[in-house]
Amino acid sequence: MNKFNVTSWNNNSARVITKNESESRMWDSLKQAIAVSSGFQRWQLERKINEGQQQNISLDRQVSIYLRETLETLAY
């Protein structure tokens, strides 16, 4: 690899990392906002997800399931 290609690869690599970090921060922020919403809390109660079960199912997974079910309901 010549100098140009190495520099180009390093710059592209840095952009990908920055994009992934940005998306991760965005998801974390969105996930926290959803977790405190009344709709999500009601969803947890309806599914009887208590504090003990919440520890076994990550918040990330719970929010993903909630969003999927909500979108399926809206699509129906």
N, C-alpha and C. Protein backbone atom coordinates (compact mmCIF):
# COMPACT_ATOMS: atom_id res chain seq x y z
N MET A 1 0.84 -1.18 0.00
CA MET A 1 0.00 0.00 0.00
C MET A 1 0.89 1.25 0.00
N ASN A 2 0.58 2.18 -0.85
CA ASN A 2 1.38 3.40 -0.82
C ASN A 2 0.81 4.36 0.23
N LYS A 3 1.52 5.46 0.43
CA LYS A 3 1.15 6.41 1.48
C LYS A 3 -0.28 6.93 1.31
N PHE A 4 -0.67 7.25 0.08
CA PHE A 4 -2.01 7.77 -0.18
C PHE A 4 -3.07 6.76 0.25
N ASN A 5 -2.90 5.51 -0.13
CA ASN A 5 -3.88 4.49 0.20
C ASN A 5 -3.98 4.27 1.71
N VAL A 6 -2.85 4.28 2.39
CA VAL A 6 -2.87 4.11 3.84
C VAL A 6 -3.60 5.28 4.49
N THR A 7 -3.30 6.49 4.05
CA THR A 7 -3.97 7.67 4.60
C THR A 7 -5.45 7.62 4.30
N SER A 8 -5.80 7.27 3.09
CA SER A 8 -7.21 7.17 2.71
C SER A 8 -7.92 6.11 3.54
N TRP A 9 -7.30 4.96 3.72
CA TRP A 9 -7.89 3.89 4.52
C TRP A 9 -8.08 4.35 5.96
N ASN A 10 -7.09 5.01 6.53
CA ASN A 10 -7.18 5.48 7.92
C ASN A 10 -8.30 6.50 8.07
N ASN A 11 -8.45 7.41 7.13
CA ASN A 11 -9.51 8.40 7.20
C ASN A 11 -10.88 7.74 7.10
N ASN A 12 -11.04 6.79 6.18
CA ASN A 12 -12.30 6.08 6.04
C ASN A 12 -12.61 5.27 7.29
N SER A 13 -11.61 4.65 7.84
CA SER A 13 -11.78 3.86 9.06
C SER A 13 -12.24 4.75 10.20
N ALA A 14 -11.65 5.93 10.32
CA ALA A 14 -12.03 6.87 11.37
C ALA A 14 -13.47 7.32 11.19
N ARG A 15 -13.90 7.54 9.94
CA ARG A 15 -15.29 7.95 9.69
C ARG A 15 -16.27 6.87 10.10
N VAL A 16 -15.93 5.62 9.82
CA VAL A 16 -16.81 4.50 10.18
C VAL A 16 -16.93 4.41 11.70
N ILE A 17 -15.82 4.51 12.39
CA ILE A 17 -15.85 4.45 13.86
C ILE A 17 -16.68 5.59 14.40
N THR A 18 -16.47 6.79 13.89
CA THR A 18 -17.23 7.95 14.35
C THR A 18 -18.72 7.76 14.09
N LYS A 19 -19.07 7.24 12.93
CA LYS A 19 -20.48 7.01 12.59
C LYS A 19 -21.07 5.97 13.54
N ASN A 20 -20.35 4.89 13.79
CA ASN A 20 -20.85 3.86 14.69
C ASN A 20 -21.01 4.38 16.11
N GLU A 21 -20.06 5.18 16.57
CA GLU A 21 -20.16 5.76 17.90
C GLU A 21 -21.34 6.71 17.98
N SER A 22 -21.54 7.50 16.95
CA SER A 22 -22.65 8.43 16.89
C SER A 22 -23.99 7.69 16.91
N GLU A 23 -24.09 6.63 16.12
CA GLU A 23 -25.32 5.84 16.09
C GLU A 23 -25.55 5.16 17.43
N SER A 24 -24.50 4.71 18.07
CA SER A 24 -24.62 4.07 19.37
C SER A 24 -25.12 5.06 20.42
N ARG A 25 -24.57 6.26 20.40
CA ARG A 25 -25.04 7.29 21.35
C ARG A 25 -26.49 7.66 21.08
N MET A 26 -26.86 7.73 19.80
CA MET A 26 -28.23 8.06 19.44
C MET A 26 -29.18 6.97 19.93
N TRP A 27 -28.81 5.69 19.72
CA TRP A 27 -29.64 4.58 20.16
C TRP A 27 -29.78 4.58 21.67
N ASP A 28 -28.68 4.83 22.38
CA ASP A 28 -28.74 4.87 23.84
C ASP A 28 -29.68 5.96 24.33
N SER A 29 -29.62 7.13 23.70
CA SER A 29 -30.49 8.24 24.06
C SER A 29 -31.96 7.90 23.77
N LEU A 30 -32.21 7.35 22.60
CA LEU A 30 -33.57 6.95 22.22
C LEU A 30 -34.10 5.87 23.15
N LYS A 31 -33.26 4.89 23.44
CA LYS A 31 -33.64 3.78 24.31
C LYS A 31 -34.04 4.29 25.71
N GLN A 32 -33.27 5.24 26.24
CA GLN A 32 -33.58 5.80 27.56
C GLN A 32 -34.89 6.59 27.53
N ALA A 33 -35.12 7.33 26.47
CA ALA A 33 -36.37 8.10 26.34
C ALA A 33 -37.57 7.16 26.26
N ILE A 34 -37.43 6.08 25.51
CA ILE A 34 -38.52 5.10 25.39
C ILE A 34 -38.77 4.42 26.73
N ALA A 35 -37.70 4.09 27.44
CA ALA A 35 -37.81 3.36 28.71
C ALA A 35 -38.60 4.14 29.77
N VAL A 36 -38.56 5.45 29.73
CA VAL A 36 -39.29 6.24 30.72
C VAL A 36 -40.69 6.64 30.23
N SER A 37 -41.03 6.26 29.00
CA SER A 37 -42.33 6.64 28.46
C SER A 37 -43.44 5.81 29.11
N SER A 38 -44.61 6.38 29.19
CA SER A 38 -45.75 5.68 29.79
C SER A 38 -46.15 4.46 28.96
N GLY A 39 -46.03 4.57 27.65
CA GLY A 39 -46.38 3.45 26.78
C GLY A 39 -45.50 2.24 27.03
N PHE A 40 -44.20 2.46 27.18
CA PHE A 40 -43.27 1.37 27.44
C PHE A 40 -43.52 0.78 28.82
N GLN A 41 -43.74 1.63 29.80
CA GLN A 41 -43.99 1.14 31.16
C GLN A 41 -45.29 0.34 31.22
N ARG A 42 -46.31 0.78 30.50
CA ARG A 42 -47.57 0.03 30.43
C ARG A 42 -47.34 -1.32 29.74
N TRP A 43 -46.54 -1.31 28.67
CA TRP A 43 -46.20 -2.54 27.96
C TRP A 43 -45.54 -3.53 28.90
N GLN A 44 -44.62 -3.05 29.74
CA GLN A 44 -43.96 -3.92 30.71
C GLN A 44 -44.97 -4.52 31.68
N LEU A 45 -45.88 -3.69 32.16
CA LEU A 45 -46.90 -4.18 33.11
C LEU A 45 -47.81 -5.21 32.46
N GLU A 46 -48.21 -4.96 31.23
CA GLU A 46 -49.08 -5.89 30.52
C GLU A 46 -48.41 -7.24 30.31
N ARG A 47 -47.14 -7.23 30.16
CA ARG A 47 -46.40 -8.48 29.96
C ARG A 47 -45.82 -9.02 31.26
N LYS A 48 -46.20 -8.36 32.34
CA LYS A 48 -45.77 -8.76 33.67
C LYS A 48 -44.25 -8.89 33.76
N ILE A 49 -43.58 -7.93 33.15
CA ILE A 49 -42.12 -7.89 33.26
C ILE A 49 -41.81 -7.12 34.53
N ASN A 50 -41.52 -7.86 35.57
CA ASN A 50 -41.22 -7.22 36.85
C ASN A 50 -39.73 -6.94 36.96
N GLU A 51 -39.33 -6.35 38.07
CA GLU A 51 -37.93 -5.96 38.22
C GLU A 51 -36.99 -7.14 38.13
N GLY A 52 -37.38 -8.29 38.64
CA GLY A 52 -36.53 -9.47 38.57
C GLY A 52 -36.32 -9.92 37.14
N GLN A 53 -37.38 -9.91 36.36
CA GLN A 53 -37.27 -10.31 34.96
C GLN A 53 -36.51 -9.26 34.15
N GLN A 54 -36.68 -7.99 34.52
CA GLN A 54 -35.97 -6.93 33.80
C GLN A 54 -34.47 -7.12 33.89
N GLN A 55 -34.02 -7.67 35.00
CA GLN A 55 -32.59 -7.90 35.15
C GLN A 55 -32.12 -9.00 34.22
N ASN A 56 -32.99 -9.94 33.88
CA ASN A 56 -32.62 -11.04 32.98
C ASN A 56 -32.72 -10.63 31.52
N ILE A 57 -33.57 -9.65 31.22
CA ILE A 57 -33.74 -9.18 29.84
C ILE A 57 -33.17 -7.77 29.78
N SER A 58 -32.17 -7.56 28.98
CA SER A 58 -31.54 -6.24 28.90
C SER A 58 -32.54 -5.18 28.44
N LEU A 59 -32.30 -3.96 28.85
CA LEU A 59 -33.15 -2.86 28.42
C LEU A 59 -33.12 -2.74 26.90
N ASP A 60 -31.97 -2.97 26.33
CA ASP A 60 -31.83 -2.93 24.87
C ASP A 60 -32.79 -3.92 24.22
N ARG A 61 -32.83 -5.13 24.74
CA ARG A 61 -33.70 -6.18 24.19
C ARG A 61 -35.17 -5.84 24.42
N GLN A 62 -35.50 -5.35 25.62
CA GLN A 62 -36.89 -4.99 25.93
C GLN A 62 -37.38 -3.91 24.98
N VAL A 63 -36.58 -2.88 24.76
CA VAL A 63 -36.98 -1.77 23.89
C VAL A 63 -37.12 -2.28 22.45
N SER A 64 -36.22 -3.14 22.03
CA SER A 64 -36.31 -3.71 20.68
C SER A 64 -37.61 -4.48 20.49
N ILE A 65 -37.96 -5.30 21.48
CA ILE A 65 -39.21 -6.08 21.40
C ILE A 65 -40.41 -5.14 21.40
N TYR A 66 -40.38 -4.15 22.29
CA TYR A 66 -41.47 -3.17 22.37
C TYR A 66 -41.67 -2.46 21.04
N LEU A 67 -40.58 -2.00 20.44
CA LEU A 67 -40.68 -1.29 19.16
C LEU A 67 -41.20 -2.21 18.06
N ARG A 68 -40.71 -3.44 18.02
CA ARG A 68 -41.17 -4.39 17.01
C ARG A 68 -42.65 -4.64 17.16
N GLU A 69 -43.11 -4.91 18.39
CA GLU A 69 -44.54 -5.19 18.62
C GLU A 69 -45.39 -3.97 18.31
N THR A 70 -44.91 -2.80 18.66
CA THR A 70 -45.65 -1.57 18.38
C THR A 70 -45.78 -1.35 16.88
N LEU A 71 -44.71 -1.56 16.14
CA LEU A 71 -44.76 -1.40 14.69
C LEU A 71 -45.63 -2.45 14.03
N GLU A 72 -45.60 -3.67 14.55
CA GLU A 72 -46.47 -4.72 14.01
C GLU A 72 -47.94 -4.36 14.22
N THR A 73 -48.24 -3.81 15.39
CA THR A 73 -49.62 -3.41 15.69
C THR A 73 -50.06 -2.28 14.76
N LEU A 74 -49.18 -1.33 14.55
CA LEU A 74 -49.50 -0.21 13.65
C LEU A 74 -49.66 -0.67 12.22
N ALA A 75 -48.88 -1.65 11.81
CA ALA A 75 -48.95 -2.16 10.44
C ALA A 75 -50.19 -3.01 10.21
N TYR A 76 -50.73 -3.58 11.29
CA TYR A 76 -51.89 -4.43 11.19
C TYR A 76 -53.09 -3.59 10.90
